[in-house]
Structures are given as C-alpha cells and as structure tokens.
Protein backbone atom coordinates (compact mmCIF):
# COMPACT_ATOMS: atom_id res chain seq x y z
CA MET A 1 62.61 138.30 107.55
CA LEU A 2 62.76 140.85 110.16
CA ARG A 3 65.09 138.62 112.41
CA LEU A 4 67.51 138.53 109.29
CA LEU A 5 66.86 142.22 107.83
CA PRO A 6 69.47 144.42 110.13
CA LEU A 7 72.22 141.25 109.63
CA LEU A 8 72.08 141.34 106.03
CA ALA A 9 71.06 145.58 105.59
CA LEU A 10 74.61 145.63 108.19
CA LEU A 11 77.03 142.88 105.77
CA ALA A 12 76.33 144.78 102.67
CA ALA A 13 77.30 148.26 103.98
CA CYS A 14 80.59 146.19 105.43
CA ALA A 15 80.87 144.29 102.79
CA ALA A 16 79.95 145.90 99.11
CA PRO A 17 81.21 143.67 95.81
CA PRO A 18 84.97 144.22 94.85
CA PRO A 19 84.76 146.57 91.71
CA ALA A 20 84.73 144.67 88.98
CA ALA A 21 87.89 145.87 88.03
CA THR A 22 89.19 143.81 90.40
CA LEU A 23 87.57 140.14 89.75
CA PRO A 24 89.31 137.33 88.23
CA GLN A 25 88.14 136.09 85.04
CA PRO A 26 85.01 133.71 85.62
CA LEU A 27 85.99 129.92 84.81
CA SER A 28 83.29 128.35 82.30
CA TYR A 29 81.33 125.21 83.37
CA PRO A 30 79.99 122.01 80.79
CA PRO A 31 75.81 122.06 80.27
CA ALA A 32 76.09 119.22 82.77
CA ALA A 33 75.97 122.42 85.31
CA ARG A 34 72.84 123.51 83.67
CA GLU A 35 70.84 120.75 82.98
CA ARG A 36 72.08 119.52 87.12
CA MET A 37 70.42 123.06 88.44
CA LEU A 38 66.91 121.92 86.61
CA ARG A 39 67.02 118.13 87.77
CA LEU A 40 67.67 119.97 91.23
CA ALA A 41 64.71 122.44 90.95
CA LEU A 42 62.34 120.08 89.14
CA ALA A 43 63.40 117.31 92.28
CA GLU A 44 62.68 119.66 94.94
CA TRP A 45 59.34 120.83 93.35
CA GLN A 46 57.96 117.37 93.37
CA ASP A 47 59.52 116.70 96.42
CA TRP A 48 57.63 119.25 97.73
CA GLY A 49 54.51 117.86 96.35
CA CYS A 50 54.25 119.69 93.17
CA VAL A 51 52.39 122.79 94.80
CA THR A 52 51.07 125.53 91.46
CA VAL A 53 51.01 129.18 91.43
CA GLY A 54 50.50 131.55 89.08
CA LEU A 55 48.40 131.51 85.63
CA PRO A 56 45.81 129.07 85.31
CA GLY A 57 46.12 125.34 83.79
CA PRO A 58 48.26 122.46 84.03
CA ALA A 59 52.14 122.72 84.32
CA ALA A 60 53.92 122.01 81.21
CA LEU A 61 56.34 119.67 83.36
CA PRO A 62 54.48 116.67 84.74
CA CYS A 63 55.39 116.23 88.24
CA VAL A 64 54.33 113.27 90.53
CA PRO A 65 54.10 114.17 94.46
CA SER A 66 57.06 112.12 96.09
CA GLU A 67 54.52 112.79 99.44
CA PRO A 68 51.33 115.21 99.34
CA PRO A 69 51.90 118.56 99.83
CA ARG A 70 53.04 119.76 103.65
CA PRO A 71 54.10 123.61 104.21
CA GLU A 72 57.80 124.23 105.43
CA SER A 73 56.20 124.38 108.97
CA ALA A 74 55.73 120.39 108.45
CA PRO A 75 58.27 119.11 111.03
CA GLU A 76 59.26 116.70 108.03
CA ASN A 77 60.31 119.51 105.71
CA PHE A 78 63.01 120.58 108.58
CA PRO A 79 65.78 118.66 107.26
CA ARG A 80 65.07 120.38 103.68
CA VAL A 81 65.03 123.96 104.65
CA LEU A 82 68.28 123.32 107.06
CA ALA A 83 70.07 121.96 103.63
CA TYR A 84 69.12 125.31 101.88
CA TRP A 85 70.95 127.43 104.54
CA ARG A 86 73.82 125.17 105.19
CA SER A 87 74.62 126.55 101.40
CA VAL A 88 74.83 130.43 102.52
CA PRO A 89 77.16 131.95 104.68
CA GLN A 90 74.43 133.49 107.12
CA SER A 91 73.17 129.61 108.65
CA HIS A 92 74.14 130.74 111.42
CA GLU A 93 71.15 133.08 111.35
CA ALA A 94 69.16 131.35 110.64
CA ILE A 95 69.62 127.37 112.13
CA PRO A 96 70.24 127.89 115.61
CA SER A 97 66.10 129.63 116.22
CA ASN A 98 65.16 126.63 113.93
CA ARG A 99 66.08 123.80 115.72
CA VAL A 100 64.42 124.85 118.99
CA ARG A 101 61.57 125.68 116.56
CA TYR A 102 61.83 121.73 115.25
CA GLU A 103 62.45 120.09 118.96
CA ARG A 104 59.37 121.57 120.22
CA ALA A 105 57.07 120.80 117.52
CA LEU A 106 59.05 116.75 118.04
CA ALA A 107 58.01 117.53 121.37
CA GLY A 108 54.40 117.56 120.19
CA SER A 109 54.39 121.14 122.49
CA GLY A 110 54.27 123.40 119.38
CA GLY A 111 56.98 125.00 116.55
CA GLY A 112 54.27 125.86 114.26
CA ASN A 113 56.30 128.92 112.70
CA LEU A 114 59.16 126.45 112.10
CA TRP A 115 60.98 127.74 109.49
CA ALA A 116 58.77 131.07 109.06
CA GLU A 117 61.82 133.50 109.41
CA PRO A 118 63.72 134.53 107.97
CA PHE A 119 62.42 134.08 104.79
CA TRP A 120 64.54 131.27 102.48
CA SER A 121 63.69 132.10 99.08
CA ALA A 122 67.40 133.07 98.31
CA ALA A 123 69.39 130.06 100.32
CA PHE A 124 67.77 128.68 98.16
CA ILE A 125 68.83 129.28 94.56
CA SER A 126 72.13 129.42 96.54
CA TRP A 127 71.71 125.41 97.18
CA VAL A 128 70.50 124.79 93.92
CA ILE A 129 73.52 126.05 91.88
CA GLY A 130 76.13 125.49 94.44
CA ALA A 131 75.03 121.97 94.32
CA ALA A 132 74.67 121.60 90.75
CA GLY A 133 78.22 122.07 90.79
CA VAL A 134 78.77 126.30 89.98
CA ASP A 135 81.53 127.44 92.63
CA ALA A 136 81.88 130.29 94.75
CA PRO A 137 83.39 132.64 92.30
CA GLU A 138 81.16 132.02 89.21
CA PHE A 139 77.95 132.13 92.00
CA GLU A 140 78.09 133.64 95.34
CA PRO A 141 75.86 132.29 97.34
CA ASP A 142 73.80 134.55 99.87
CA ALA A 143 70.93 134.57 102.23
CA SER A 144 69.91 137.92 100.11
CA HIS A 145 68.77 137.36 96.54
CA ALA A 146 69.89 141.29 95.87
CA ARG A 147 73.81 139.78 96.63
CA TYR A 148 74.36 137.57 94.61
CA LEU A 149 72.63 139.47 92.08
CA ASP A 150 75.15 142.28 92.55
CA HIS A 151 78.17 139.59 92.23
CA LEU A 152 76.56 138.47 89.07
CA ASP A 153 76.00 141.15 87.82
CA ALA A 154 79.84 142.81 88.81
CA LEU A 155 81.16 139.97 86.68
CA ALA A 156 78.98 140.49 83.65
CA ALA A 157 81.10 143.82 83.59
CA ALA A 158 84.13 142.50 84.15
CA TRP A 159 84.22 139.35 82.32
CA PRO A 160 81.09 139.97 79.71
CA ALA A 161 82.62 137.44 76.78
CA GLN A 162 82.91 134.55 80.09
CA ALA A 163 80.54 135.62 82.90
CA PRO A 164 78.19 132.70 83.93
CA PHE A 165 74.99 135.11 83.93
CA LEU A 166 74.22 137.87 82.13
CA PRO A 167 71.58 141.11 83.23
CA ARG A 168 68.41 140.57 80.47
CA ASP A 169 65.55 143.88 80.54
CA PRO A 170 62.25 141.25 80.83
CA ALA A 171 61.10 143.75 78.29
CA LEU A 172 63.07 142.83 75.72
CA TYR A 173 64.22 139.36 76.67
CA ALA A 174 62.44 135.87 76.24
CA PRO A 175 63.58 134.04 79.07
CA ALA A 176 64.68 130.26 78.81
CA PRO A 177 65.36 127.30 80.87
CA GLY A 178 68.62 128.07 83.92
CA ASP A 179 67.89 131.36 83.93
CA LEU A 180 66.99 133.47 86.83
CA VAL A 181 63.57 135.84 87.06
CA CYS A 182 63.83 138.13 89.50
CA ARG A 183 61.31 141.11 91.01
CA ASP A 184 61.93 143.63 93.55
CA ARG A 185 60.03 142.21 96.56
CA THR A 186 59.83 146.81 97.89
CA SER A 187 57.03 148.91 98.00
CA ARG A 188 58.92 151.18 95.71
CA PRO A 189 60.98 148.90 93.84
CA LEU A 190 63.33 149.90 90.87
CA ARG A 191 61.79 150.25 88.05
CA ALA A 192 64.56 149.44 86.10
CA TRP A 193 68.27 146.94 86.72
CA ALA A 194 70.47 149.62 85.51
CA GLU A 195 69.41 151.41 88.26
CA ARG A 196 70.57 149.06 90.87
CA ALA A 197 74.04 150.29 90.26
CA ALA A 198 73.90 153.43 92.26
CA GLU A 199 73.08 151.01 95.64
CA ARG A 200 75.22 148.45 94.84
CA GLY A 201 75.83 146.04 97.86
CA GLN A 202 72.69 147.45 100.12
CA PHE A 203 70.43 145.19 101.25
CA ARG A 204 67.48 145.15 99.16
CA PRO A 205 63.92 143.01 99.31
CA MET A 206 63.94 140.62 95.97
CA HIS A 207 62.68 137.42 94.52
CA CYS A 208 64.43 134.81 91.93
CA ASP A 209 62.75 131.71 90.47
CA ILE A 210 64.75 129.18 87.74
CA VAL A 211 63.31 128.76 85.19
CA VAL A 212 62.78 124.83 83.88
CA HIS A 213 59.79 125.87 81.09
CA ALA A 214 59.88 128.44 78.38
CA ALA A 215 57.64 128.62 75.07
CA PRO A 216 55.21 130.88 73.66
CA GLY A 217 52.09 131.62 75.80
CA VAL A 218 53.75 131.09 78.91
CA VAL A 219 57.06 130.73 81.42
CA GLU A 220 57.60 128.05 84.34
CA ALA A 221 59.93 128.58 86.99
CA VAL A 222 61.16 127.07 90.96
CA GLY A 223 61.88 128.88 93.63
CA GLY A 224 61.11 128.19 97.17
CA ASN A 225 59.55 130.30 100.21
CA VAL A 226 57.02 130.81 97.79
CA SER A 227 53.24 129.88 99.38
CA ASP A 228 55.68 128.24 102.57
CA SER A 229 56.98 125.31 99.89
CA VAL A 230 59.00 125.11 96.97
CA ALA A 231 56.93 125.80 93.97
CA LEU A 232 56.07 126.16 90.51
CA ALA A 233 54.85 129.37 89.75
CA ARG A 234 53.38 129.70 86.02
CA TRP A 235 53.73 133.29 84.19
CA ALA A 236 52.05 134.38 80.78
CA THR A 237 54.05 135.90 78.01
CA ASP A 238 53.94 137.36 75.02
CA GLY A 239 53.84 135.34 71.44
CA GLU A 240 57.52 136.00 71.31
CA GLY A 241 58.05 134.48 74.64
CA ARG A 242 58.68 137.74 76.54
CA LEU A 243 56.77 137.83 80.14
CA LEU A 244 53.98 139.89 80.40
CA PRO A 245 53.62 143.15 82.73
CA GLU A 246 52.35 141.48 86.17
CA PRO A 247 51.21 143.26 89.05
CA ARG A 248 54.44 143.51 91.20
CA PRO A 249 56.92 143.83 87.98
CA PHE A 250 59.85 141.55 86.75
CA LEU A 251 62.66 143.63 86.90
CA VAL A 252 65.84 141.57 85.98
CA ILE A 253 66.64 138.18 83.47
CA MET A 254 69.39 136.44 84.26
CA GLU A 255 70.90 134.93 81.78
CA ASN A 256 72.43 131.30 81.89
CA ARG A 257 75.60 131.36 80.11
CA LEU A 258 76.65 128.07 81.37
CA GLY A 259 77.42 125.32 79.02
CA ARG A 260 77.29 128.76 76.53
CA THR A 261 81.15 130.14 77.32
CA PRO A 262 84.32 128.93 75.36
CA PRO A 263 85.29 126.04 75.26
CA PHE A 264 81.87 125.13 75.32
CA ASN A 265 80.28 127.78 73.02
CA LEU A 266 76.76 125.67 72.54
CA GLN A 267 74.18 126.85 70.51
CA ASP A 268 71.25 129.19 73.05
CA PRO A 269 68.85 126.02 74.53
CA ARG A 270 65.85 127.64 72.86
CA SER A 271 67.62 127.33 68.67
C-alpha cells in the first residue's frame, strides 16, 4: 500500500467530494442489482478457494472451491486482481508494476510479491458493485474505501429517501445481506462515523466487506485482499444481530437500499 498512499492523499486533497447540495438525485435500482452483488461476491469467494477467516466454525453458506486456495501471488490469480483494478481510476498506479512481476513469474525468475501492493480491497468492492450494474453517480469506484464511502455519505445527506446506501451505527444497527461493513485501519481510528465529516475528502486507510449472510449469532461477509485472497469473514453478533465489538472496532455499516427506494420500495430483506 505504501506506493499508493502518497497518490491517494494527493487526489483526496485536490478532489474532495462536491457539497451534498450539488449532487444530482441518484437513480433507483431494481432488486436484481443487490442480488447480483451477492452472487458476484460469493462466486469470487468460491473461485479463490472458499477461504474463511474469523469466528470458528463452518460457513453458513455452502461453498465448493473451483480450485485449491491460492494467494494473490499465484500467477493464476493475476487476471482476477487485474479485473478489480481495471474498475477504478487509479489502475495506472497498480497495473504496470504488477505486469512486470507477472512477466517475471511466467519466466520463472521470481515475482513472488505479485499484487502485494498497492492494496486491492477497495478495488474489489468497486468491481463487485460496478459489475452488479450500479453506475458511478450512485457508487463512485475508487482504490480507497474512504473515498467511495465519502461519496455514499454525501449522497445519503443530500438524498436520504433515494440514496443507494445509508450510514448506520454498528452499535445500533444489525447488518443485512448486501450491506457494507467497514473498519478504520489506522493506529488511531475514528470513534464514530460522524467524525469523518471533519476530514471528508482526505485519505484514511479503511477496509469494507460485503455482507452475504446475517443471522442472530453470526454475520458473514466477503472482502478482497483478506489473507492475500478473497475471503469470507465470520463475526459474532448479539441476539438482535448486531455485531459484537472486536479488537479493531467496526466504524460504519452502509445499509444497502438497492431495490428498496422508489419506485421499488421493497421490504427490508430481514423482514
């Protein structure tokens, strides 16, 4: 990630999100967009070998590996991570150097740190949501979680009834399939999502995963660049389905409202 941090910081300083009042009204999406998000995330988890981390025990959702688990450095995974990077505007910062590493790996002369940097977890989320059919005005793809979260937050402030995602407090809200569960990866994390408003547009290391299963007792979510893979994380919840605190606290849950804004107005998937 070190190679990308200065660039992201510069982009954030020069291209802060526009004021909420200037954002056009977001389009609504049918339930198929959320369903595609979940199918794509689960398919990538399967293709990477069904790697599971976090809470012990079997995953609630079945997964039959397409092939044995291999890390990001395996040449077989070069086109997968390449596709994620192609979905974000910072692809030119990541792809050329990793093409060189891949070429070396094919020639048998090393390249073992293939895709080790820059981090690609935000590119993975951007690829899934974009491939599900959500356009950039509703989800602005970026190699930084903080940047696309800022855009979603601004949309929620400007258009709360039509916004595709709404920020929720992890201590009060039980996540549902399709939601984004996000954490601050810095040594001095924000205590609450509201604190982000004071630095909106600035780079901050974060990580988000896509919830694919939620029930009282456990939430399962798929994310990229987890254990050098696309992996499913299992987290404990209380009896109401809210995430229990972990050593690195959850910062915000972005409630997925695809298929639930006018004119669709469908029920909460937990109902």
